[in-house]
Amino acid sequence: MVDTVLTIQIPERDIPIYAEVDVVVAGGGPSGVAAALAAARNGASVLLIEQRGYLGGMATVSQVPAFCPYTDHIKPVIRGIGLEILNDMKSNMEETFQNEWREQLDWVPIDAEILKRLLDEKMEEAGVKVLYHTFVGHVLQQSGIIEAVVIHNKSGTQAVKGNIYIDATSDADLTYLAGGELVKGGDDGELQPGTMCFVLNNLDRKKFLSSVEIHGRDLKHAISKAKSEGRLRVAREWAGISWLNDHTAGFNFGHVFGIDGSNADDLTRGAIEGRALVEHITGWLRESIPGFENAFLTLTGEQIGIRETRRIIGDYIVTTDDFLKCRSFPDDIARNAYFIDIHMTKPTSGMTMIHLAPGESHGIPYRALLPVGIENVIVAGRAISTDRATQGSARVMPNCFAMGEAAGTAAAILAEKGSRRTRSIEIPSLQSRLVHQGAWLGDLINEQYKE
């Protein structure tokens, strides 16, 4: 039996135009932040639309406690705006943090409040117009060209017109609304689980580390034992702990399964189940782990952390073979060295992790950012055109910064020329500008365009 979907007709009406700009960026996570900054710094007028009241995406919305690696274990792969933001965040942290992390580029803990304020300041300095508490709900298009997007917020329903639109929503929302070709998850629709990240305070880091050193009890062993005894309800025997200081740490710990981050009902369930799981985990940590006896929960993410939803079908699909062979492309606009990291889709399944050798990386071509059939949209972030395994590698925040910077730079170049056709861009011009902005596209390309 097919369920009947009830509908209601909305009368046609005129809506006011809120803004007309060169570049409209939908989504204020790492890819959207970098895209907006790059476009504005290259002379474009930019409107950045974000549904929350701050920027940062998973780093701030979901309290993901650390940035994934910026390096290939030998050198920084993610440079440009992404590295600038990382270093500026570190420079705003307390002295003890700076002393520990000043030279580190991998797994650097995130202070969400410092990052929020830093990104506000950067947008203001660059001249980016930011519109918070707003989301894109509809697209007006003709012959594959988006003419305007319809936005919704407390002021009502309005329209925004742009030359180029950057889909930095993480879920390819803009492309979805425009009718672009998309895929989601694995062959059977399976999706990586969500995680409700959280922050604990009143910890004793020295006691915790001393206990591990003296007694040989690492956290993985303690988790495994508690699971076998039925005292801890988690699927994976691993916890990511990122220490902001000796008494405060962020946690990436525990999974909520069957969550589709592009579905409102699933996000609601993820929030409820995620908070309940955090309460359970926190209680176990207090009872079982030295140094955590007096821990109290400071906060959980506003939204459960999402690893995977939609991916666009682009002009090129980056494949696992491209990853494994460290393939480069003539239209590379970023490089990726992060390992394939696919979390279990159900409690009884396993992780998939495939690492590249130190010093190795693969290219991300501009074509993978272009959704087929749409002329003036560039996608940046985890929704770019890849196969599922490669998405498990490209999805992390440092990569999103790099892709966003490329998207924003391309949009500004197109605006300079008055072009709305993303495929008309001259790749050498884009690559040259990215290199001069500090991006690393591989030694061959960087050597070609160095001053």
Protein backbone atom coordinates (compact mmCIF):
# COMPACT_ATOMS: atom_id res chain seq x y z
CA MET A 1 0.00 0.00 0.00
CA VAL A 2 1.37 3.40 -1.01
CA ASP A 3 1.10 6.15 1.59
CA THR A 4 -0.85 9.16 0.41
CA VAL A 5 0.97 12.46 0.87
CA LEU A 6 -1.41 15.26 1.69
CA THR A 7 -0.65 18.61 0.09
CA ILE A 8 -1.76 22.20 0.35
CA GLN A 9 -1.53 24.90 -2.29
CA ILE A 10 0.21 28.17 -1.47
CA PRO A 11 -1.09 31.18 -3.38
CA GLU A 12 1.37 32.95 -5.66
CA ARG A 13 2.62 36.25 -4.28
CA ASP A 14 5.31 38.82 -4.81
CA ILE A 15 8.21 38.73 -2.38
CA PRO A 16 10.76 41.48 -1.75
CA ILE A 17 14.36 41.20 -2.90
CA TYR A 18 16.64 41.33 0.13
CA ALA A 19 19.93 41.71 -1.76
CA GLU A 20 21.62 41.48 -5.14
CA VAL A 21 25.28 40.44 -4.97
CA ASP A 22 28.02 38.87 -7.02
CA VAL A 23 28.28 35.74 -4.88
CA VAL A 24 25.70 34.07 -2.66
CA VAL A 25 27.11 31.52 -0.22
CA ALA A 26 24.63 29.14 1.41
CA GLY A 27 26.06 27.62 4.59
CA GLY A 28 28.54 28.98 7.12
CA GLY A 29 30.63 25.94 7.95
CA PRO A 30 34.34 25.71 7.03
CA SER A 31 33.64 25.53 3.29
CA GLY A 32 31.22 28.45 3.36
CA VAL A 33 33.48 30.54 5.58
CA ALA A 34 36.46 30.05 3.27
CA ALA A 35 34.34 30.62 0.16
CA ALA A 36 32.92 33.90 1.46
CA LEU A 37 36.32 35.20 2.57
CA ALA A 38 38.02 34.21 -0.69
CA ALA A 39 35.32 35.78 -2.85
CA ALA A 40 35.27 39.02 -0.86
CA ARG A 41 39.06 39.31 -0.70
CA ASN A 42 39.07 38.96 -4.48
CA GLY A 43 36.75 41.92 -4.85
CA ALA A 44 33.30 40.33 -5.10
CA SER A 45 30.24 41.45 -3.19
CA VAL A 46 29.21 38.51 -1.01
CA LEU A 47 26.19 37.46 1.03
CA LEU A 48 26.74 34.54 3.41
CA ILE A 49 23.52 32.85 4.57
CA GLU A 50 23.67 30.75 7.75
CA GLN A 51 20.79 29.12 9.61
CA ARG A 52 22.40 29.47 13.06
CA GLY A 53 23.52 32.60 14.86
CA TYR A 54 27.22 31.95 14.28
CA LEU A 55 29.68 30.45 11.82
CA GLY A 56 31.89 27.39 12.03
CA GLY A 57 29.65 24.48 11.09
CA MET A 58 30.39 21.20 12.84
CA ALA A 59 33.22 22.86 14.81
CA THR A 60 30.77 25.17 16.59
CA VAL A 61 27.28 23.83 15.93
CA SER A 62 28.13 20.25 16.84
CA GLN A 63 31.11 20.86 19.14
CA VAL A 64 33.41 18.57 17.15
CA PRO A 65 36.38 18.80 19.53
CA ALA A 66 39.36 18.94 17.16
CA PHE A 67 40.35 19.72 13.59
CA CYS A 68 41.42 16.68 11.60
CA PRO A 69 44.99 16.76 10.25
CA TYR A 70 46.19 19.57 8.04
CA THR A 71 49.32 17.63 7.03
CA ASP A 72 50.33 14.49 5.17
CA HIS A 73 52.54 13.66 8.20
CA ILE A 74 55.43 15.49 6.57
CA LYS A 75 54.19 18.88 5.39
CA PRO A 76 51.00 20.95 5.51
CA VAL A 77 48.62 20.07 2.70
CA ILE A 78 45.88 22.46 3.78
CA ARG A 79 47.20 26.00 3.66
CA GLY A 80 45.69 29.33 2.62
CA ILE A 81 42.57 30.44 4.49
CA GLY A 82 42.21 27.16 6.37
CA LEU A 83 45.68 27.40 7.89
CA GLU A 84 45.16 31.10 8.60
CA ILE A 85 42.04 30.36 10.64
CA LEU A 86 43.71 27.53 12.54
CA ASN A 87 46.70 29.67 13.48
CA ASP A 88 44.57 32.68 14.39
CA MET A 89 42.41 30.52 16.65
CA LYS A 90 45.50 29.18 18.39
CA SER A 91 46.89 32.69 18.87
CA ASN A 92 43.71 33.65 20.75
CA MET A 93 43.95 30.70 23.16
CA GLU A 94 45.52 30.82 26.60
CA GLU A 95 49.30 30.65 26.89
CA THR A 96 49.49 27.04 28.10
CA PHE A 97 47.48 25.90 25.07
CA GLN A 98 49.71 27.87 22.73
CA ASN A 99 52.82 26.37 24.26
CA GLU A 100 51.49 22.87 23.67
CA TRP A 101 49.97 23.36 20.22
CA ARG A 102 51.83 26.27 18.58
CA GLU A 103 53.78 24.07 16.16
CA GLN A 104 51.12 21.38 15.76
CA LEU A 105 48.80 21.21 12.75
CA ASP A 106 47.09 17.86 13.31
CA TRP A 107 44.24 17.14 15.73
CA VAL A 108 44.35 20.65 17.22
CA PRO A 109 41.56 21.07 19.82
CA ILE A 110 38.85 23.59 18.99
CA ASP A 111 37.59 26.32 21.29
CA ALA A 112 34.18 26.91 19.75
CA GLU A 113 33.58 30.30 21.39
CA ILE A 114 36.92 31.70 20.26
CA LEU A 115 36.29 30.35 16.77
CA LYS A 116 32.82 31.92 16.57
CA ARG A 117 34.14 35.36 17.44
CA LEU A 118 37.17 35.02 15.19
CA LEU A 119 35.01 34.19 12.19
CA ASP A 120 32.68 37.14 12.89
CA GLU A 121 35.70 39.43 12.86
CA LYS A 122 37.10 37.98 9.65
CA MET A 123 33.81 38.47 7.83
CA GLU A 124 33.63 42.07 8.98
CA GLU A 125 37.23 42.75 7.93
CA ALA A 126 36.66 41.23 4.48
CA GLY A 127 33.39 43.07 3.90
CA VAL A 128 31.21 39.96 3.77
CA LYS A 129 27.53 40.57 4.46
CA VAL A 130 26.38 37.83 6.85
CA LEU A 131 22.73 36.94 7.39
CA TYR A 132 22.19 34.68 10.40
CA HIS A 133 19.08 32.74 11.44
CA THR A 134 18.19 32.27 7.78
CA PHE A 135 17.95 29.33 5.41
CA VAL A 136 17.35 28.85 1.71
CA GLY A 137 13.97 27.27 1.05
CA HIS A 138 13.42 27.58 -2.68
CA VAL A 139 15.30 28.17 -5.92
CA LEU A 140 14.12 30.17 -8.93
CA GLN A 141 15.87 29.02 -12.08
CA GLN A 142 15.65 29.06 -15.83
CA SER A 143 17.52 26.90 -18.34
CA GLY A 144 19.93 25.56 -15.72
CA ILE A 145 20.77 28.99 -14.32
CA ILE A 146 19.63 30.01 -10.85
CA GLU A 147 18.14 33.49 -11.02
CA ALA A 148 17.39 33.85 -7.30
CA VAL A 149 17.01 31.91 -4.08
CA VAL A 150 14.14 32.34 -1.66
CA ILE A 151 15.15 32.74 1.98
CA HIS A 152 13.15 32.41 5.18
CA ASN A 153 13.77 34.03 8.56
CA LYS A 154 12.06 36.14 11.23
CA SER A 155 11.64 38.94 8.71
CA GLY A 156 9.52 36.68 6.53
CA THR A 157 10.11 35.41 3.01
CA GLN A 158 12.51 37.27 0.75
CA ALA A 159 14.61 36.69 -2.36
CA VAL A 160 18.33 37.01 -2.99
CA LYS A 161 19.84 37.38 -6.44
CA GLY A 162 23.42 36.47 -7.26
CA ASN A 163 25.76 35.91 -10.16
CA ILE A 164 27.27 32.71 -8.75
CA TYR A 165 25.83 30.56 -5.95
CA ILE A 166 28.06 28.47 -3.69
CA ASP A 167 26.42 25.46 -2.10
CA ALA A 168 28.28 25.05 1.19
CA THR A 169 25.35 23.51 3.04
CA SER A 170 27.17 20.17 3.58
CA ASP A 171 24.00 18.35 2.49
CA ALA A 172 23.88 19.80 -1.05
CA ASP A 173 20.64 21.56 -0.09
CA LEU A 174 20.94 24.21 -2.79
CA THR A 175 21.70 21.63 -5.47
CA TYR A 176 18.81 19.51 -4.22
CA LEU A 177 16.40 22.44 -4.45
CA ALA A 178 17.66 23.17 -7.96
CA GLY A 179 16.90 19.61 -9.05
CA GLY A 180 20.52 18.53 -9.39
CA GLU A 181 21.55 14.88 -9.59
CA LEU A 182 22.43 13.45 -6.18
CA VAL A 183 23.31 10.22 -4.43
CA LYS A 184 23.11 9.45 -0.73
CA GLY A 185 25.15 7.02 1.34
CA GLY A 186 26.02 3.51 0.18
CA ASP A 187 24.46 1.25 -2.41
CA ASP A 188 21.72 0.26 0.02
CA GLY A 189 21.26 3.78 1.35
CA GLU A 190 23.31 3.10 4.49
CA LEU A 191 24.79 6.17 6.16
CA GLN A 192 27.57 6.74 8.63
CA PRO A 193 26.24 7.32 12.16
CA GLY A 194 25.97 10.66 13.89
CA THR A 195 27.80 11.62 17.07
CA MET A 196 26.63 14.01 19.76
CA CYS A 197 29.91 15.60 20.79
CA PHE A 198 30.19 17.18 24.23
CA VAL A 199 32.43 19.12 26.60
CA LEU A 200 33.26 18.11 30.19
CA ASN A 201 34.76 20.34 32.85
CA ASN A 202 36.30 19.85 36.30
CA LEU A 203 38.59 17.10 35.04
CA ASP A 204 42.06 16.21 36.28
CA ARG A 205 44.17 15.63 33.20
CA LYS A 206 47.36 14.86 35.11
CA LYS A 207 45.64 12.20 37.19
CA PHE A 208 44.08 10.67 34.09
CA LEU A 209 47.39 10.51 32.21
CA SER A 210 49.24 9.26 35.28
CA SER A 211 46.73 6.44 35.71
CA VAL A 212 47.15 5.38 32.12
CA GLU A 213 50.94 5.45 32.44
CA ILE A 214 51.24 3.72 35.82
CA HIS A 215 48.58 1.06 35.51
CA GLY A 216 48.75 0.49 31.77
CA ARG A 217 44.99 1.02 31.52
CA ASP A 218 44.27 2.90 28.35
CA LEU A 219 40.78 4.17 27.69
CA LYS A 220 40.16 1.64 24.92
CA HIS A 221 40.72 -1.23 27.37
CA ALA A 222 38.38 0.35 29.92
CA ILE A 223 35.69 0.86 27.29
CA SER A 224 36.01 -2.73 26.06
CA LYS A 225 35.72 -4.11 29.58
CA ALA A 226 32.71 -1.94 30.43
CA LYS A 227 30.98 -2.98 27.20
CA SER A 228 31.50 -6.66 27.90
CA GLU A 229 30.06 -6.20 31.39
CA GLY A 230 27.03 -4.30 30.08
CA ARG A 231 27.97 -1.07 31.87
CA LEU A 232 28.57 1.03 28.75
CA ARG A 233 26.32 1.26 25.70
CA VAL A 234 28.65 2.28 22.87
CA ALA A 235 29.43 0.46 19.64
CA ARG A 236 33.06 1.43 19.17
CA GLU A 237 35.88 0.93 21.66
CA TRP A 238 37.37 4.35 21.05
CA ALA A 239 36.90 7.87 22.37
CA GLY A 240 38.33 11.05 20.91
CA ILE A 241 39.41 13.38 23.74
CA SER A 242 40.71 16.87 22.97
CA TRP A 243 42.07 18.77 25.97
CA LEU A 244 41.57 22.54 25.98
CA ASN A 245 43.36 22.75 29.32
CA ASP A 246 44.07 20.49 32.31
CA HIS A 247 40.44 20.63 33.43
CA THR A 248 38.36 20.90 30.23
CA ALA A 249 38.08 18.51 27.29
CA GLY A 250 35.88 17.94 24.27
CA PHE A 251 34.70 14.43 23.43
CA ASN A 252 33.92 12.71 20.14
CA PHE A 253 32.53 9.54 21.71
CA GLY A 254 29.58 7.33 20.85
CA HIS A 255 27.35 6.79 17.83
CA VAL A 256 23.67 7.25 17.06
CA PHE A 257 22.73 5.00 14.15
CA GLY A 258 20.26 5.40 11.31
CA ILE A 259 20.48 9.19 11.23
CA ASP A 260 19.96 10.98 7.92
CA GLY A 261 21.16 14.54 8.45
CA SER A 262 18.99 15.78 5.58
CA ASN A 263 15.82 14.59 7.34
CA ALA A 264 14.28 16.73 10.09
CA ASP A 265 12.72 13.78 11.93
CA ASP A 266 16.07 12.01 12.02
CA LEU A 267 17.86 15.11 13.28
CA THR A 268 15.27 15.39 16.04
CA ARG A 269 15.76 11.76 17.05
CA GLY A 270 19.51 12.25 16.88
CA ALA A 271 19.31 15.18 19.26
CA ILE A 272 17.20 13.30 21.80
CA GLU A 273 19.08 9.99 21.62
CA GLY A 274 22.41 11.79 21.44
CA ARG A 275 21.86 13.75 24.64
CA ALA A 276 20.70 10.62 26.43
CA LEU A 277 23.83 8.79 25.30
CA VAL A 278 26.05 11.65 26.48
CA GLU A 279 24.40 11.51 29.91
CA HIS A 280 25.06 7.76 30.04
CA ILE A 281 28.69 8.11 28.92
CA THR A 282 29.38 10.95 31.36
CA GLY A 283 28.08 8.86 34.24
CA TRP A 284 30.31 5.97 33.26
CA LEU A 285 33.36 8.23 32.97
CA ARG A 286 32.75 9.60 36.48
CA GLU A 287 32.44 6.12 37.95
CA SER A 288 35.23 4.39 36.07
CA ILE A 289 38.01 6.68 34.86
CA PRO A 290 40.63 8.22 37.20
CA GLY A 291 40.67 11.99 36.91
CA PHE A 292 37.02 12.13 35.84
CA GLU A 293 35.44 11.56 39.27
CA ASN A 294 34.17 15.15 39.55
CA ALA A 295 33.39 15.76 35.90
CA PHE A 296 30.36 17.79 34.96
CA LEU A 297 28.78 18.28 31.58
CA THR A 298 29.30 21.80 30.24
CA LEU A 299 27.48 21.47 26.91
CA THR A 300 26.44 19.24 24.05
CA GLY A 301 26.26 20.12 20.38
CA GLU A 302 23.30 22.17 19.19
CA GLN A 303 22.97 19.52 16.48
CA ILE A 304 24.24 15.97 16.36
CA GLY A 305 27.41 15.74 14.28
CA ILE A 306 26.74 14.44 10.78
CA ARG A 307 29.33 12.64 8.65
CA GLU A 308 27.42 11.78 5.51
CA THR A 309 24.27 12.66 3.59
CA ARG A 310 23.91 13.70 -0.06
CA ARG A 311 26.68 13.90 -2.64
CA ILE A 312 26.34 15.65 -5.96
CA ILE A 313 26.90 14.01 -9.30
CA GLY A 314 29.46 16.37 -10.77
CA ASP A 315 31.36 16.75 -14.00
CA TYR A 316 33.91 14.36 -12.46
CA ILE A 317 33.47 11.81 -9.68
CA VAL A 318 36.58 11.39 -7.52
CA THR A 319 37.04 7.66 -6.97
CA THR A 320 38.72 5.35 -4.51
CA ASP A 321 41.19 4.50 -7.25
CA ASP A 322 42.08 8.19 -7.51
CA PHE A 323 42.66 8.20 -3.76
CA LEU A 324 44.77 5.04 -3.68
CA LYS A 325 46.89 6.04 -6.68
CA CYS A 326 47.32 9.62 -5.37
CA ARG A 327 46.11 10.87 -8.73
CA SER A 328 46.53 14.48 -9.80
CA PHE A 329 44.35 16.32 -12.31
CA PRO A 330 44.97 19.24 -14.66
CA ASP A 331 42.21 21.19 -12.90
CA ASP A 332 43.24 20.49 -9.29
CA ILE A 333 42.07 23.16 -6.85
CA ALA A 334 42.98 21.40 -3.58
CA ARG A 335 44.69 18.29 -2.27
CA ASN A 336 43.65 15.71 0.31
CA ALA A 337 45.80 13.49 2.51
CA TYR A 338 43.27 12.45 5.16
CA PHE A 339 42.61 8.73 5.39
CA ILE A 340 39.40 7.03 4.28
CA ASP A 341 37.42 7.04 7.52
CA ILE A 342 34.01 5.40 7.24
CA HIS A 343 32.31 4.77 10.55
CA MET A 344 30.20 1.70 11.18
CA THR A 345 26.66 1.96 9.81
CA LYS A 346 25.22 -0.30 12.53
CA PRO A 347 26.48 -1.41 15.95
CA THR A 348 27.60 -4.82 14.70
CA SER A 349 29.53 -3.65 11.62
CA GLY A 350 33.10 -2.43 11.48
CA MET A 351 35.07 0.66 10.57
CA THR A 352 36.73 1.18 7.19
CA MET A 353 40.07 3.01 7.40
CA ILE A 354 42.60 3.25 4.57
CA HIS A 355 45.69 5.41 4.99
CA LEU A 356 48.00 6.94 2.43
CA ALA A 357 51.74 6.78 2.98
CA PRO A 358 53.37 9.79 4.67
CA GLY A 359 53.93 12.58 2.17
CA GLU A 360 51.22 11.32 -0.20
CA SER A 361 48.01 13.08 -1.26
CA HIS A 362 45.60 13.20 -4.17
CA GLY A 363 44.12 16.07 -6.12
CA ILE A 364 40.59 17.40 -5.97
CA PRO A 365 39.61 18.66 -9.43
CA TYR A 366 37.46 21.73 -10.02
CA ARG A 367 35.07 19.55 -12.04
CA ALA A 368 34.11 17.66 -8.86
CA LEU A 369 32.62 20.90 -7.52
CA LEU A 370 30.28 21.42 -10.49
CA PRO A 371 26.85 19.72 -10.35
CA VAL A 372 25.79 18.42 -13.74
CA GLY A 373 23.00 20.35 -15.39
CA ILE A 374 23.40 23.54 -13.34
CA GLU A 375 25.41 26.42 -14.74
CA ASN A 376 26.06 28.86 -11.90
CA VAL A 377 26.46 26.72 -8.78
CA ILE A 378 29.74 25.61 -7.23
CA VAL A 379 29.58 23.01 -4.45
CA ALA A 380 32.17 22.96 -1.66
CA GLY A 381 32.49 20.66 1.33
CA ARG A 382 31.58 17.05 1.99
CA ALA A 383 28.86 17.02 -0.68
CA ILE A 384 31.27 17.30 -3.62
CA SER A 385 31.24 14.67 -6.35
CA THR A 386 33.02 11.55 -5.04
CA ASP A 387 32.30 7.90 -4.55
CA ARG A 388 31.29 6.87 -1.04
CA ALA A 389 34.71 5.73 0.16
CA THR A 390 36.43 8.90 -0.99
CA GLN A 391 33.73 10.99 0.67
CA GLY A 392 34.82 9.32 3.90
CA SER A 393 38.18 10.99 3.37
CA ALA A 394 37.37 14.32 1.72
CA ARG A 395 34.59 15.20 4.20
CA VAL A 396 36.72 16.59 7.06
CA MET A 397 36.92 20.27 8.00
CA PRO A 398 40.45 21.15 6.80
CA ASN A 399 39.57 19.83 3.33
CA CYS A 400 36.36 21.85 3.43
CA PHE A 401 38.37 25.04 4.02
CA ALA A 402 40.50 24.28 0.95
CA MET A 403 37.53 23.48 -1.29
CA GLY A 404 35.69 26.55 -0.06
CA GLU A 405 38.61 28.85 -0.82
CA ALA A 406 38.75 27.46 -4.35
CA ALA A 407 35.00 27.87 -4.85
CA GLY A 408 34.99 31.45 -3.58
CA THR A 409 38.01 32.41 -5.66
CA ALA A 410 36.43 30.92 -8.78
CA ALA A 411 33.17 32.75 -8.10
CA ALA A 412 35.01 36.07 -7.79
CA ILE A 413 36.91 35.51 -11.04
CA LEU A 414 33.65 34.75 -12.82
CA ALA A 415 32.05 37.86 -11.32
CA GLU A 416 34.95 39.95 -12.62
CA LYS A 417 34.18 38.72 -16.12
CA GLY A 418 30.43 39.02 -15.72
CA SER A 419 30.04 35.31 -16.40
CA ARG A 420 27.44 33.06 -14.81
CA ARG A 421 28.83 29.89 -16.34
CA THR A 422 31.13 28.10 -13.92
CA ARG A 423 32.60 25.90 -16.65
CA SER A 424 33.90 28.92 -18.57
CA ILE A 425 36.62 29.70 -16.04
CA GLU A 426 40.25 29.51 -17.15
CA ILE A 427 41.80 26.89 -14.88
CA PRO A 428 45.35 28.37 -15.00
CA SER A 429 43.96 31.71 -13.83
CA LEU A 430 42.16 30.04 -10.91
CA GLN A 431 45.15 27.91 -9.94
CA SER A 432 47.54 30.84 -10.15
CA ARG A 433 45.38 32.95 -7.88
CA LEU A 434 44.98 30.12 -5.36
CA VAL A 435 48.74 29.58 -5.24
CA HIS A 436 49.37 33.29 -4.69
CA GLN A 437 46.81 33.22 -1.87
CA GLY A 438 48.87 30.54 -0.14
CA ALA A 439 47.09 27.35 -1.21
CA TRP A 440 49.06 24.20 -1.97
CA LEU A 441 47.97 22.34 -5.10
CA GLY A 442 50.96 20.03 -5.28
CA ASP A 443 54.59 20.86 -5.96
CA LEU A 444 54.23 20.83 -9.75
CA ILE A 445 51.38 23.34 -9.85
CA ASN A 446 52.78 25.52 -7.09
CA GLU A 447 56.18 25.62 -8.80
CA GLN A 448 54.51 26.58 -12.07
CA TYR A 449 52.75 29.60 -10.59
CA LYS A 450 55.18 30.77 -7.94
CA GLU A 451 56.38 34.35 -8.23
